[in-house]
Amino acid sequence: VGMLVAAPLMATLAADPGRIVVGVALLALMNVAIEFAFVSVLPLMSEMGTEDRGRAFGQALTVNTVSRAGAAIVAGIVYSARGFGASGLLGTAAMLCGAAVIVAGTTGGDHA
């Protein structure tokens, strides 16, 4: 849910990066939505490896950290080549893909 809230905020920011007050407000709201998304996924992470929850949390947080680092590098390259709007649209696409993966992984099938 948090990523689905953050994605349109980022897209709006990417479409009109010229107004600073609006940009700061959108970034603040987007940050709240992203943090909400992270906290919301904690119950899913706790059920990934019920036999060794500590290891499951460690692996999930490692993936999160490596993903953020990789995204920062890619966003910097995109920003240098195409500007703020392009990096914002890339971030929007990444959030929507992440939300789709979570939805696909938690709906349907046998999760026992």
C-alpha atoms as a PDB file:
ATOM      1  CA  VAL A   1       0.000   0.000   0.000  1.00  0.00           C
ATOM      2  CA  GLY A   2       2.793   2.404   0.902  1.00  0.00           C
ATOM      3  CA  MET A   3       4.526   1.965  -2.453  1.00  0.00           C
ATOM      4  CA  LEU A   4       1.242   2.477  -4.270  1.00  0.00           C
ATOM      5  CA  VAL A   5       0.813   5.767  -2.393  1.00  0.00           C
ATOM      6  CA  ALA A   6       4.437   6.850  -2.933  1.00  0.00           C
ATOM      7  CA  ALA A   7       4.514   6.091  -6.676  1.00  0.00           C
ATOM      8  CA  PRO A   8       2.043   8.797  -7.793  1.00  0.00           C
ATOM      9  CA  LEU A   9       3.719  11.285  -5.453  1.00  0.00           C
ATOM     10  CA  MET A  10       7.064  10.590  -7.096  1.00  0.00           C
ATOM     11  CA  ALA A  11       5.533  10.779 -10.567  1.00  0.00           C
ATOM     12  CA  THR A  12       4.005  14.166  -9.709  1.00  0.00           C
ATOM     13  CA  LEU A  13       7.342  15.382  -8.407  1.00  0.00           C
ATOM     14  CA  ALA A  14       9.073  14.160 -11.565  1.00  0.00           C
ATOM     15  CA  ALA A  15       6.510  15.892 -13.790  1.00  0.00           C
ATOM     16  CA  ASP A  16       6.932  19.322 -12.154  1.00  0.00           C
ATOM     17  CA  PRO A  17      10.222  19.662 -10.252  1.00  0.00           C
ATOM     18  CA  GLY A  18      10.223  23.475 -10.483  1.00  0.00           C
ATOM     19  CA  ARG A  19       8.253  24.461  -7.374  1.00  0.00           C
ATOM     20  CA  ILE A  20      10.348  24.004  -4.247  1.00  0.00           C
ATOM     21  CA  VAL A  21       7.549  24.157  -1.657  1.00  0.00           C
ATOM     22  CA  VAL A  22       5.483  21.594  -3.552  1.00  0.00           C
ATOM     23  CA  GLY A  23       8.575  19.451  -4.069  1.00  0.00           C
ATOM     24  CA  VAL A  24       9.487  19.419  -0.384  1.00  0.00           C
ATOM     25  CA  ALA A  25       5.895  18.590   0.589  1.00  0.00           C
ATOM     26  CA  LEU A  26       5.775  15.747  -1.942  1.00  0.00           C
ATOM     27  CA  LEU A  27       9.122  14.396  -0.724  1.00  0.00           C
ATOM     28  CA  ALA A  28       7.911  14.464   2.881  1.00  0.00           C
ATOM     29  CA  LEU A  29       4.709  12.596   2.007  1.00  0.00           C
ATOM     30  CA  MET A  30       6.627  10.164  -0.167  1.00  0.00           C
ATOM     31  CA  ASN A  31       9.066   9.448   2.668  1.00  0.00           C
ATOM     32  CA  VAL A  32       6.174   8.661   5.034  1.00  0.00           C
ATOM     33  CA  ALA A  33       4.638   6.347   2.421  1.00  0.00           C
ATOM     34  CA  ILE A  34       7.932   4.528   1.799  1.00  0.00           C
ATOM     35  CA  GLU A  35       8.551   4.050   5.524  1.00  0.00           C
ATOM     36  CA  PHE A  36       4.979   2.785   5.882  1.00  0.00           C
ATOM     37  CA  ALA A  37       5.665   0.311   3.072  1.00  0.00           C
ATOM     38  CA  PHE A  38       8.813  -0.918   4.815  1.00  0.00           C
ATOM     39  CA  VAL A  39       7.065  -1.380   8.161  1.00  0.00           C
ATOM     40  CA  SER A  40       4.087  -3.045   6.466  1.00  0.00           C
ATOM     41  CA  VAL A  41       6.287  -5.721   4.927  1.00  0.00           C
ATOM     42  CA  LEU A  42       7.800  -6.748   8.288  1.00  0.00           C
ATOM     43  CA  PRO A  43       5.042  -9.319   9.001  1.00  0.00           C
ATOM     44  CA  LEU A  44       5.669 -10.883   5.581  1.00  0.00           C
ATOM     45  CA  MET A  45       9.388 -11.041   6.326  1.00  0.00           C
ATOM     46  CA  SER A  46       8.752 -12.731   9.668  1.00  0.00           C
ATOM     47  CA  GLU A  47       6.898 -15.553   7.899  1.00  0.00           C
ATOM     48  CA  MET A  48       9.528 -16.110   5.178  1.00  0.00           C
ATOM     49  CA  GLY A  49      11.636 -18.453   7.219  1.00  0.00           C
ATOM     50  CA  THR A  50       9.689 -19.526  10.270  1.00  0.00           C
ATOM     51  CA  GLU A  51      12.362 -22.041  11.263  1.00  0.00           C
ATOM     52  CA  ASP A  52      15.023 -19.290  11.395  1.00  0.00           C
ATOM     53  CA  ARG A  53      13.390 -15.859  11.579  1.00  0.00           C
ATOM     54  CA  GLY A  54      16.608 -14.064  12.454  1.00  0.00           C
ATOM     55  CA  ARG A  55      18.261 -15.292   9.294  1.00  0.00           C
ATOM     56  CA  ALA A  56      15.179 -14.424   7.190  1.00  0.00           C
ATOM     57  CA  PHE A  57      15.156 -10.872   8.578  1.00  0.00           C
ATOM     58  CA  GLY A  58      18.898 -10.553   7.976  1.00  0.00           C
ATOM     59  CA  GLN A  59      18.574 -11.671   4.375  1.00  0.00           C
ATOM     60  CA  ALA A  60      15.601  -9.395   3.731  1.00  0.00           C
ATOM     61  CA  LEU A  61      17.372  -6.385   5.228  1.00  0.00           C
ATOM     62  CA  THR A  62      20.504  -7.194   3.211  1.00  0.00           C
ATOM     63  CA  VAL A  63      18.445  -7.252   0.009  1.00  0.00           C
ATOM     64  CA  ASN A  64      16.854  -3.945   1.051  1.00  0.00           C
ATOM     65  CA  THR A  65      20.228  -2.301   1.712  1.00  0.00           C
ATOM     66  CA  VAL A  66      21.836  -3.572  -1.502  1.00  0.00           C
ATOM     67  CA  SER A  67      18.751  -2.524  -3.492  1.00  0.00           C
ATOM     68  CA  ARG A  68      18.871   1.003  -2.079  1.00  0.00           C
ATOM     69  CA  ALA A  69      22.581   1.293  -2.833  1.00  0.00           C
ATOM     70  CA  GLY A  70      22.110   0.040  -6.387  1.00  0.00           C
ATOM     71  CA  ALA A  71      19.151   2.351  -6.922  1.00  0.00           C
ATOM     72  CA  ALA A  72      21.203   5.332  -5.744  1.00  0.00           C
ATOM     73  CA  ILE A  73      23.920   4.543  -8.285  1.00  0.00           C
ATOM     74  CA  VAL A  74      21.462   4.024 -11.153  1.00  0.00           C
ATOM     75  CA  ALA A  75      19.464   7.144 -10.215  1.00  0.00           C
ATOM     76  CA  GLY A  76      22.660   9.209 -10.221  1.00  0.00           C
ATOM     77  CA  ILE A  77      23.561   7.995 -13.690  1.00  0.00           C
ATOM     78  CA  VAL A  78      20.035   8.616 -15.009  1.00  0.00           C
ATOM     79  CA  TYR A  79      19.964  12.062 -13.374  1.00  0.00           C
ATOM     80  CA  SER A  80      23.278  13.007 -15.005  1.00  0.00           C
ATOM     81  CA  ALA A  81      22.109  11.819 -18.411  1.00  0.00           C
ATOM     82  CA  ARG A  82      18.419  12.819 -18.441  1.00  0.00           C
ATOM     83  CA  GLY A  83      17.685  15.027 -15.422  1.00  0.00           C
ATOM     84  CA  PHE A  84      15.443  14.949 -12.388  1.00  0.00           C
ATOM     85  CA  GLY A  85      12.239  14.010 -14.168  1.00  0.00           C
ATOM     86  CA  ALA A  86      13.738  10.868 -15.683  1.00  0.00           C
ATOM     87  CA  SER A  87      15.187   9.671 -12.382  1.00  0.00           C
ATOM     88  CA  GLY A  88      11.802  10.302 -10.735  1.00  0.00           C
ATOM     89  CA  LEU A  89       9.993   8.302 -13.394  1.00  0.00           C
ATOM     90  CA  LEU A  90      12.508   5.481 -12.994  1.00  0.00           C
ATOM     91  CA  GLY A  91      11.848   5.500  -9.255  1.00  0.00           C
ATOM     92  CA  THR A  92       8.105   5.445  -9.891  1.00  0.00           C
ATOM     93  CA  ALA A  93       8.483   2.437 -12.184  1.00  0.00           C
ATOM     94  CA  ALA A  94      10.663   0.657  -9.612  1.00  0.00           C
ATOM     95  CA  MET A  95       8.094   1.230  -6.856  1.00  0.00           C
ATOM     96  CA  LEU A  96       5.265  -0.080  -9.021  1.00  0.00           C
ATOM     97  CA  CYS A  97       7.331  -3.154  -9.936  1.00  0.00           C
ATOM     98  CA  GLY A  98       8.114  -3.738  -6.258  1.00  0.00           C
ATOM     99  CA  ALA A  99       4.445  -3.470  -5.340  1.00  0.00           C
ATOM    100  CA  ALA A 100       3.546  -5.912  -8.114  1.00  0.00           C
ATOM    101  CA  VAL A 101       6.128  -8.430  -6.878  1.00  0.00           C
ATOM    102  CA  ILE A 102       4.789  -8.210  -3.328  1.00  0.00           C
ATOM    103  CA  VAL A 103       1.186  -8.594  -4.489  1.00  0.00           C
ATOM    104  CA  ALA A 104       2.112 -11.528  -6.740  1.00  0.00           C
ATOM    105  CA  GLY A 105       4.031 -13.181  -3.929  1.00  0.00           C
ATOM    106  CA  THR A 106       1.233 -12.855  -1.399  1.00  0.00           C
ATOM    107  CA  THR A 107      -1.823 -13.730  -3.487  1.00  0.00           C
ATOM    108  CA  GLY A 108      -2.805 -17.090  -4.798  1.00  0.00           C
ATOM    109  CA  GLY A 109      -0.984 -20.349  -4.407  1.00  0.00           C
ATOM    110  CA  ASP A 110      -0.213 -22.350  -1.310  1.00  0.00           C
ATOM    111  CA  HIS A 111       1.751 -20.372   1.254  1.00  0.00           C
ATOM    112  CA  ALA A 112       1.803 -23.031   3.948  1.00  0.00           C
END
